[in-house]
Each structure stands twice: as structure tokens, then as C-alpha cells.
PDB file of N, CA and C in Angstrom:
ATOM      1  N   UNK A   1      16.661   2.481  13.358  1.00  0.00           N
ATOM      2  CA  UNK A   1      15.954   3.733  13.161  1.00  0.00           C
ATOM      3  C   UNK A   1      15.453   4.420  14.193  1.00  0.00           C
ATOM      4  N   UNK A   2      15.519   5.805  14.283  1.00  0.00           N
ATOM      5  CA  UNK A   2      14.575   6.187  15.073  1.00  0.00           C
ATOM      6  C   UNK A   2      13.038   6.045  15.143  1.00  0.00           C
ATOM      7  N   UNK A   3      12.263   6.160  16.344  1.00  0.00           N
ATOM      8  CA  UNK A   3      11.164   5.441  15.924  1.00  0.00           C
ATOM      9  C   UNK A   3      10.054   6.475  15.021  1.00  0.00           C
ATOM     10  N   UNK A   4      10.353   7.637  14.691  1.00  0.00           N
ATOM     11  CA  UNK A   4      10.045   8.954  14.121  1.00  0.00           C
ATOM     12  C   UNK A   4      10.000   9.181  12.611  1.00  0.00           C
ATOM     13  N   UNK A   5      11.006   8.065  12.250  1.00  0.00           N
ATOM     14  CA  UNK A   5      11.081   8.002  10.708  1.00  0.00           C
ATOM     15  C   UNK A   5      11.379   6.721  10.360  1.00  0.00           C
ATOM     16  N   UNK A   6      11.061   6.729   9.309  1.00  0.00           N
ATOM     17  CA  UNK A   6      10.789   5.535   8.985  1.00  0.00           C
ATOM     18  C   UNK A   6      11.420   5.158   7.569  1.00  0.00           C
ATOM     19  N   UNK A   7      11.853   3.580   7.278  1.00  0.00           N
ATOM     20  CA  UNK A   7      12.395   3.774   6.059  1.00  0.00           C
ATOM     21  C   UNK A   7      11.105   3.154   5.115  1.00  0.00           C
ATOM     22  N   UNK A   8      11.551   3.219   3.652  1.00  0.00           N
ATOM     23  CA  UNK A   8      10.941   3.467   2.437  1.00  0.00           C
ATOM     24  C   UNK A   8      10.027   1.856   2.957  1.00  0.00           C
ATOM     25  N   UNK A   9      10.548   0.903   3.165  1.00  0.00           N
ATOM     26  CA  UNK A   9      10.344  -0.209   2.966  1.00  0.00           C
ATOM     27  C   UNK A   9       9.288  -0.415   4.462  1.00  0.00           C
ATOM     28  N   UNK A  10       9.423   0.154   5.623  1.00  0.00           N
ATOM     29  CA  UNK A  10       8.076   0.106   5.967  1.00  0.00           C
ATOM     30  C   UNK A  10       7.206   1.492   6.129  1.00  0.00           C
ATOM     31  N   UNK A  11       7.659   1.994   5.380  1.00  0.00           N
ATOM     32  CA  UNK A  11       6.495   2.847   5.154  1.00  0.00           C
ATOM     33  C   UNK A  11       5.299   2.029   3.660  1.00  0.00           C
ATOM     34  N   UNK A  12       6.277   1.440   2.619  1.00  0.00           N
ATOM     35  CA  UNK A  12       5.252   1.057   2.210  1.00  0.00           C
ATOM     36  C   UNK A  12       4.477  -0.157   2.531  1.00  0.00           C
ATOM     37  N   UNK A  13       4.956  -0.577   3.369  1.00  0.00           N
ATOM     38  CA  UNK A  13       4.104  -1.997   4.453  1.00  0.00           C
ATOM     39  C   UNK A  13       3.224  -1.017   5.012  1.00  0.00           C
ATOM     40  N   UNK A  14       3.426  -0.095   5.644  1.00  0.00           N
ATOM     41  CA  UNK A  14       2.036   0.687   6.101  1.00  0.00           C
ATOM     42  C   UNK A  14       1.252   1.773   5.257  1.00  0.00           C
ATOM     43  N   UNK A  15       1.318   1.674   4.030  1.00  0.00           N
ATOM     44  CA  UNK A  15       0.882   2.000   2.981  1.00  0.00           C
ATOM     45  C   UNK A  15      -0.101   0.966   2.496  1.00  0.00           C
ATOM     46  N   UNK A  16       0.410  -0.110   2.575  1.00  0.00           N
ATOM     47  CA  UNK A  16      -0.385  -1.279   1.979  1.00  0.00           C
ATOM     48  C   UNK A  16      -1.566  -1.641   3.329  1.00  0.00           C
ATOM     49  N   UNK A  17      -0.900  -1.910   4.582  1.00  0.00           N
ATOM     50  CA  UNK A  17      -1.290  -2.094   5.633  1.00  0.00           C
ATOM     51  C   UNK A  17      -2.861  -1.225   5.869  1.00  0.00           C
ATOM     52  N   UNK A  18      -2.984   0.128   5.707  1.00  0.00           N
ATOM     53  CA  UNK A  18      -3.605   1.018   5.785  1.00  0.00           C
ATOM     54  C   UNK A  18      -5.043   0.647   4.694  1.00  0.00           C
ATOM     55  N   UNK A  19      -4.537   0.025   3.525  1.00  0.00           N
ATOM     56  CA  UNK A  19      -6.059  -0.098   2.790  1.00  0.00           C
ATOM     57  C   UNK A  19      -6.880  -1.400   3.463  1.00  0.00           C
ATOM     58  N   UNK A  20      -6.118  -1.630   4.065  1.00  0.00           N
ATOM     59  CA  UNK A  20      -6.766  -2.859   4.802  1.00  0.00           C
ATOM     60  C   UNK A  20      -7.299  -2.714   6.253  1.00  0.00           C
ATOM     61  N   UNK A  21      -6.443  -2.091   7.265  1.00  0.00           N
ATOM     62  CA  UNK A  21      -6.694  -1.616   8.543  1.00  0.00           C
ATOM     63  C   UNK A  21      -6.823  -0.203   9.116  1.00  0.00           C
ATOM     64  N   UNK A  22      -6.930   0.243   9.822  1.00  0.00           N
ATOM     65  CA  UNK A  22      -6.634   1.376  10.664  1.00  0.00           C
ATOM     66  C   UNK A  22      -5.479   1.175  11.285  1.00  0.00           C
ATOM     67  N   UNK A  23      -4.633   2.046  10.799  1.00  0.00           N
ATOM     68  CA  UNK A  23      -3.066   2.645  11.675  1.00  0.00           C
ATOM     69  C   UNK A  23      -3.534   3.277  13.356  1.00  0.00           C
ATOM     70  N   UNK A  24      -2.295   3.239  13.697  1.00  0.00           N
ATOM     71  CA  UNK A  24      -2.737   3.000  14.656  1.00  0.00           C
ATOM     72  C   UNK A  24      -1.899   4.803  14.894  1.00  0.00           C
ATOM     73  N   UNK A  25      -2.037   5.558  16.035  1.00  0.00           N
ATOM     74  CA  UNK A  25      -1.496   7.180  15.257  1.00  0.00           C
ATOM     75  C   UNK A  25      -0.135   7.234  15.248  1.00  0.00           C
ATOM     76  N   UNK A  26       0.447   6.489  16.156  1.00  0.00           N
ATOM     77  CA  UNK A  26       2.124   7.008  15.926  1.00  0.00           C
ATOM     78  C   UNK A  26       2.473   5.978  14.850  1.00  0.00           C
ATOM     79  N   UNK A  27       1.438   4.876  13.847  1.00  0.00           N
ATOM     80  CA  UNK A  27       1.854   4.965  12.351  1.00  0.00           C
ATOM     81  C   UNK A  27       1.238   5.872  11.140  1.00  0.00           C
ATOM     82  N   UNK A  28       0.339   6.485  11.725  1.00  0.00           N
ATOM     83  CA  UNK A  28      -0.206   7.430  10.871  1.00  0.00           C
ATOM     84  C   UNK A  28       0.768   8.825  10.678  1.00  0.00           C
ATOM     85  N   UNK A  29       0.996   9.343  12.177  1.00  0.00           N
ATOM     86  CA  UNK A  29       2.023  10.579  12.259  1.00  0.00           C
ATOM     87  C   UNK A  29       3.960  10.148  11.612  1.00  0.00           C
ATOM     88  N   UNK A  30       3.755   8.709  11.892  1.00  0.00           N
ATOM     89  CA  UNK A  30       5.334   8.019  10.868  1.00  0.00           C
ATOM     90  C   UNK A  30       5.244   8.098   9.542  1.00  0.00           C
ATOM     91  N   UNK A  31       4.382   7.972   8.714  1.00  0.00           N
ATOM     92  CA  UNK A  31       3.523   7.724   7.517  1.00  0.00           C
ATOM     93  C   UNK A  31       3.897   8.970   6.941  1.00  0.00           C
ATOM     94  N   UNK A  32       3.406   9.923   7.670  1.00  0.00           N
ATOM     95  CA  UNK A  32       2.621  11.253   7.262  1.00  0.00           C
ATOM     96  C   UNK A  32       4.372  11.736   7.080  1.00  0.00           C
ATOM     97  N   UNK A  33       5.052  11.711   8.436  1.00  0.00           N
ATOM     98  CA  UNK A  33       6.124  12.473   8.397  1.00  0.00           C
ATOM     99  C   UNK A  33       7.100  11.873   6.984  1.00  0.00           C
ATOM    100  N   UNK A  34       6.879  10.567   6.920  1.00  0.00           N
ATOM    101  CA  UNK A  34       8.092   9.798   5.307  1.00  0.00           C
ATOM    102  C   UNK A  34       7.394  10.203   4.403  1.00  0.00           C
ATOM    103  N   UNK A  35       6.250  10.608   4.424  1.00  0.00           N
ATOM    104  CA  UNK A  35       5.956  10.653   2.757  1.00  0.00           C
ATOM    105  C   UNK A  35       5.957  11.913   2.583  1.00  0.00           C
ATOM    106  N   UNK A  36       5.872  13.179   3.089  1.00  0.00           N
ATOM    107  CA  UNK A  36       6.407  14.955   3.627  1.00  0.00           C
ATOM    108  C   UNK A  36       8.028  14.953   2.653  1.00  0.00           C
ATOM    109  N   UNK A  37       8.772  13.778   2.957  1.00  0.00           N
ATOM    110  CA  UNK A  37      10.239  13.562   2.537  1.00  0.00           C
ATOM    111  C   UNK A  37      10.545  13.182   1.537  1.00  0.00           C
ATOM    112  N   UNK A  38       9.361  11.991   1.032  1.00  0.00           N
ATOM    113  CA  UNK A  38       9.782  10.945   0.249  1.00  0.00           C
ATOM    114  C   UNK A  38       8.729  11.265  -0.816  1.00  0.00           C
ATOM    115  N   UNK A  39       9.187  11.695  -1.765  1.00  0.00           N
ATOM    116  CA  UNK A  39       7.984  11.141  -3.043  1.00  0.00           C
ATOM    117  C   UNK A  39       8.191  10.080  -3.515  1.00  0.00           C
ATOM    118  N   UNK A  40       8.984   9.439  -3.687  1.00  0.00           N
ATOM    119  CA  UNK A  40       8.492   7.470  -3.907  1.00  0.00           C
ATOM    120  C   UNK A  40       7.567   6.978  -3.673  1.00  0.00           C
ATOM    121  N   UNK A  41       7.761   7.205  -2.123  1.00  0.00           N
ATOM    122  CA  UNK A  41       6.110   6.220  -1.424  1.00  0.00           C
ATOM    123  C   UNK A  41       5.397   7.056  -1.509  1.00  0.00           C
ATOM    124  N   UNK A  42       5.266   7.986  -1.347  1.00  0.00           N
ATOM    125  CA  UNK A  42       4.043   9.403  -1.989  1.00  0.00           C
ATOM    126  C   UNK A  42       3.258   8.860  -3.458  1.00  0.00           C
ATOM    127  N   UNK A  43       4.497   8.493  -3.590  1.00  0.00           N
ATOM    128  CA  UNK A  43       3.771   7.887  -5.783  1.00  0.00           C
ATOM    129  C   UNK A  43       3.336   6.465  -5.527  1.00  0.00           C
ATOM    130  N   UNK A  44       4.500   5.410  -4.517  1.00  0.00           N
ATOM    131  CA  UNK A  44       3.608   4.248  -4.371  1.00  0.00           C
ATOM    132  C   UNK A  44       2.483   4.034  -4.167  1.00  0.00           C
ATOM    133  N   UNK A  45       2.286   5.114  -3.208  1.00  0.00           N
ATOM    134  CA  UNK A  45       0.413   4.751  -2.134  1.00  0.00           C
ATOM    135  C   UNK A  45      -0.687   5.640  -3.350  1.00  0.00           C
ATOM    136  N   UNK A  46      -0.606   6.773  -3.959  1.00  0.00           N
ATOM    137  CA  UNK A  46      -1.290   6.479  -5.217  1.00  0.00           C
ATOM    138  C   UNK A  46      -1.067   5.610  -6.162  1.00  0.00           C
ATOM    139  N   UNK A  47      -0.336   4.959  -6.920  1.00  0.00           N
ATOM    140  CA  UNK A  47      -0.553   3.777  -7.734  1.00  0.00           C
ATOM    141  C   UNK A  47      -0.996   2.879  -6.661  1.00  0.00           C
ATOM    142  N   UNK A  48      -0.246   2.574  -5.886  1.00  0.00           N
ATOM    143  CA  UNK A  48      -1.230   1.554  -5.459  1.00  0.00           C
ATOM    144  C   UNK A  48      -2.866   1.253  -4.789  1.00  0.00           C
ATOM    145  N   UNK A  49      -3.443   2.610  -4.503  1.00  0.00           N
ATOM    146  CA  UNK A  49      -4.576   3.140  -4.234  1.00  0.00           C
ATOM    147  C   UNK A  49      -5.388   3.306  -6.041  1.00  0.00           C
ATOM    148  N   UNK A  50      -4.999   3.622  -6.759  1.00  0.00           N
ATOM    149  CA  UNK A  50      -5.329   3.546  -8.103  1.00  0.00           C
ATOM    150  C   UNK A  50      -5.663   1.996  -8.440  1.00  0.00           C
ATOM    151  N   UNK A  51      -4.282   1.263  -8.457  1.00  0.00           N
ATOM    152  CA  UNK A  51      -4.569  -0.281  -8.610  1.00  0.00           C
ATOM    153  C   UNK A  51      -5.266  -0.780  -8.079  1.00  0.00           C
ATOM    154  N   UNK A  52      -5.619  -0.543  -6.805  1.00  0.00           N
ATOM    155  CA  UNK A  52      -6.548  -1.697  -5.951  1.00  0.00           C
ATOM    156  C   UNK A  52      -8.581  -0.678  -7.041  1.00  0.00           C
ATOM    157  N   UNK A  53      -8.150   0.247  -6.726  1.00  0.00           N
ATOM    158  CA  UNK A  53      -9.904   0.971  -7.237  1.00  0.00           C
ATOM    159  C   UNK A  53      -9.898   0.092  -8.967  1.00  0.00           C
ATOM    160  N   UNK A  54      -8.778   0.107  -9.667  1.00  0.00           N
ATOM    161  CA  UNK A  54      -9.089  -0.276 -10.578  1.00  0.00           C
ATOM    162  C   UNK A  54      -9.894  -2.003 -10.596  1.00  0.00           C
ATOM    163  N   UNK A  55      -8.809  -2.445 -10.250  1.00  0.00           N
ATOM    164  CA  UNK A  55      -9.073  -4.066  -9.854  1.00  0.00           C
ATOM    165  C   UNK A  55     -10.684  -4.421  -9.541  1.00  0.00           C
ATOM    166  N   UNK A  56     -11.105  -3.600  -8.059  1.00  0.00           N
ATOM    167  CA  UNK A  56     -12.044  -3.498  -7.261  1.00  0.00           C
ATOM    168  C   UNK A  56     -13.191  -3.287  -8.697  1.00  0.00           C
ATOM    169  N   UNK A  57     -13.246  -2.369  -9.351  1.00  0.00           N
ATOM    170  CA  UNK A  57     -13.960  -1.646 -10.108  1.00  0.00           C
ATOM    171  C   UNK A  57     -14.448  -2.485 -10.962  1.00  0.00           C
ATOM    172  N   UNK A  58     -13.570  -3.550 -11.437  1.00  0.00           N
ATOM    173  CA  UNK A  58     -13.354  -4.196 -13.020  1.00  0.00           C
ATOM    174  C   UNK A  58     -14.015  -5.619 -12.645  1.00  0.00           C
ATOM    175  N   UNK A  59     -13.728  -5.750 -11.057  1.00  0.00           N
ATOM    176  CA  UNK A  59     -14.907  -7.297 -10.745  1.00  0.00           C
ATOM    177  C   UNK A  59     -16.476  -6.693 -10.792  1.00  0.00           C
ATOM    178  N   UNK A  60     -16.299  -5.530 -10.523  1.00  0.00           N
ATOM    179  CA  UNK A  60     -17.870  -5.221 -10.377  1.00  0.00           C
ATOM    180  C   UNK A  60     -18.709  -5.239 -11.648  1.00  0.00           C
ATOM    181  N   UNK A  61     -17.666  -4.873 -12.434  1.00  0.00           N
ATOM    182  CA  UNK A  61     -19.046  -5.157 -13.710  1.00  0.00           C
ATOM    183  C   UNK A  61     -18.195  -6.079 -14.506  1.00  0.00           C
ATOM    184  N   UNK A  62     -17.577  -6.943 -14.032  1.00  0.00           N
ATOM    185  CA  UNK A  62     -17.786  -8.339 -14.779  1.00  0.00           C
ATOM    186  C   UNK A  62     -18.361  -8.828 -13.324  1.00  0.00           C
ATOM    187  N   UNK A  63     -18.692  -8.912 -12.485  1.00  0.00           N
ATOM    188  CA  UNK A  63     -19.876  -9.507 -11.801  1.00  0.00           C
ATOM    189  C   UNK A  63     -18.646 -10.958 -11.336  1.00  0.00           C
ATOM    190  N   UNK A  64     -17.618 -10.672 -10.629  1.00  0.00           N
ATOM    191  CA  UNK A  64     -16.774 -10.951 -10.563  1.00  0.00           C
ATOM    192  C   UNK A  64     -16.321 -11.028  -9.299  1.00  0.00           C
ATOM    193  N   UNK A  65     -16.209 -12.096  -8.184  1.00  0.00           N
ATOM    194  CA  UNK A  65     -15.215 -12.049  -7.219  1.00  0.00           C
ATOM    195  C   UNK A  65     -13.871 -11.797  -6.805  1.00  0.00           C
ATOM    196  N   UNK A  66     -13.169 -10.893  -6.884  1.00  0.00           N
ATOM    197  CA  UNK A  66     -11.486 -11.411  -6.470  1.00  0.00           C
ATOM    198  C   UNK A  66     -11.276 -10.688  -5.383  1.00  0.00           C
ATOM    199  N   UNK A  67      -9.977 -11.631  -4.791  1.00  0.00           N
ATOM    200  CA  UNK A  67      -9.408 -11.493  -3.673  1.00  0.00           C
ATOM    201  C   UNK A  67      -8.547 -10.608  -3.933  1.00  0.00           C
ATOM    202  N   UNK A  68      -8.400  -9.286  -3.936  1.00  0.00           N
ATOM    203  CA  UNK A  68      -7.425  -8.273  -4.303  1.00  0.00           C
ATOM    204  C   UNK A  68      -6.221  -8.382  -3.526  1.00  0.00           C
ATOM    205  N   UNK A  69      -6.193  -8.594  -2.241  1.00  0.00           N
ATOM    206  CA  UNK A  69      -5.049  -8.851  -1.361  1.00  0.00           C
ATOM    207  C   UNK A  69      -4.145 -10.067  -1.740  1.00  0.00           C
ATOM    208  N   UNK A  70      -4.872 -11.389  -2.258  1.00  0.00           N
ATOM    209  CA  UNK A  70      -4.035 -12.131  -2.996  1.00  0.00           C
ATOM    210  C   UNK A  70      -3.716 -12.090  -4.395  1.00  0.00           C
ATOM    211  N   UNK A  71      -4.431 -11.152  -5.087  1.00  0.00           N
ATOM    212  CA  UNK A  71      -3.718 -10.788  -6.312  1.00  0.00           C
ATOM    213  C   UNK A  71      -2.914  -9.488  -6.097  1.00  0.00           C
ATOM    214  N   UNK A  72      -2.489  -8.766  -5.157  1.00  0.00           N
ATOM    215  CA  UNK A  72      -1.104  -7.828  -5.117  1.00  0.00           C
ATOM    216  C   UNK A  72      -0.482  -9.166  -4.198  1.00  0.00           C
ATOM    217  N   UNK A  73      -0.285 -10.100  -3.582  1.00  0.00           N
ATOM    218  CA  UNK A  73       0.699 -10.784  -3.302  1.00  0.00           C
ATOM    219  C   UNK A  73       1.577 -11.856  -4.864  1.00  0.00           C
ATOM    220  N   UNK A  74       0.634 -12.121  -5.405  1.00  0.00           N
ATOM    221  CA  UNK A  74       0.205 -12.904  -6.810  1.00  0.00           C
ATOM    222  C   UNK A  74       1.471 -11.687  -7.547  1.00  0.00           C
ATOM    223  N   UNK A  75       1.165 -10.242  -7.707  1.00  0.00           N
ATOM    224  CA  UNK A  75       1.672  -9.823  -8.679  1.00  0.00           C
ATOM    225  C   UNK A  75       3.291  -9.379  -7.925  1.00  0.00           C
ATOM    226  N   UNK A  76       3.282  -9.132  -6.718  1.00  0.00           N
ATOM    227  CA  UNK A  76       4.533  -9.146  -6.095  1.00  0.00           C
ATOM    228  C   UNK A  76       5.578 -10.210  -5.621  1.00  0.00           C
ATOM    229  N   UNK A  77       5.332 -11.120  -5.990  1.00  0.00           N
ATOM    230  CA  UNK A  77       5.403 -12.087  -6.560  1.00  0.00           C
ATOM    231  C   UNK A  77       6.490 -12.376  -7.300  1.00  0.00           C
ATOM    232  N   UNK A  78       5.714 -12.472  -8.458  1.00  0.00           N
ATOM    233  CA  UNK A  78       6.250 -12.386  -9.652  1.00  0.00           C
ATOM    234  C   UNK A  78       7.194 -11.004 -10.438  1.00  0.00           C
ATOM    235  N   UNK A  79       7.374 -10.073  -9.818  1.00  0.00           N
ATOM    236  CA  UNK A  79       8.415  -8.851  -9.875  1.00  0.00           C
ATOM    237  C   UNK A  79       9.215  -9.093  -8.890  1.00  0.00           C
ATOM    238  N   UNK A  80       9.585  -9.864  -8.088  1.00  0.00           N
ATOM    239  CA  UNK A  80      10.582 -10.379  -7.043  1.00  0.00           C
ATOM    240  C   UNK A  80      10.634  -9.778  -5.933  1.00  0.00           C
ATOM    241  N   UNK A  81       9.611  -9.136  -5.747  1.00  0.00           N
ATOM    242  CA  UNK A  81       9.066  -7.571  -4.388  1.00  0.00           C
ATOM    243  C   UNK A  81       8.881  -9.026  -3.192  1.00  0.00           C
ATOM    244  N   UNK A  82       9.317  -8.130  -1.761  1.00  0.00           N
ATOM    245  CA  UNK A  82       9.258  -8.815  -0.519  1.00  0.00           C
ATOM    246  C   UNK A  82       7.750  -8.585  -0.670  1.00  0.00           C
ATOM    247  N   UNK A  83       6.980  -9.305   0.109  1.00  0.00           N
ATOM    248  CA  UNK A  83       5.440  -9.108   0.353  1.00  0.00           C
ATOM    249  C   UNK A  83       5.174  -8.164   1.710  1.00  0.00           C
TER     250      UNK A  83
END
């Protein structure tokens, strides 16, 4: 695939990566272009952000430490999606 255009799989990987690390300029541009054309990945990013915030807030309220990354991996395994 063209270096400028991403598949949805690669876009979702970058969306998750962005939660933990700073994306390179190329990655940010690729993701922005992809999301301009793909409503599904835009929605995925919103849902991922919402889920991450909810888990973090819940763990703070309950004074429990939750490894969000491992929790996400467990969820993906349970629904049969690649990590």
C-alpha cells in the first residue's frame, strides 16, 4: 500500500500506539489522512479514548491500580481480535 495511505488495521494500531507513545510526523500525517476518509477508524479512536478514560477514572475512584494495556489486550483476546 502507498506510504501515505494506511489500512484500517494499521490505523487502529497507530491509534492505540498514540495513547502510550508520541507518533512520528509521518505516522501522525498518515493517521490524520486515514481518519479524514474513514468514519469507522474515527469512531474507533473515540471509543478507545472513552474506554481508557473510564477505566482510569474507575481505578482512581476505587483506589486500585489497573494496567490498562494488559486489560485492553485481555479484552481483545476475548473478542478474538488481533492485538
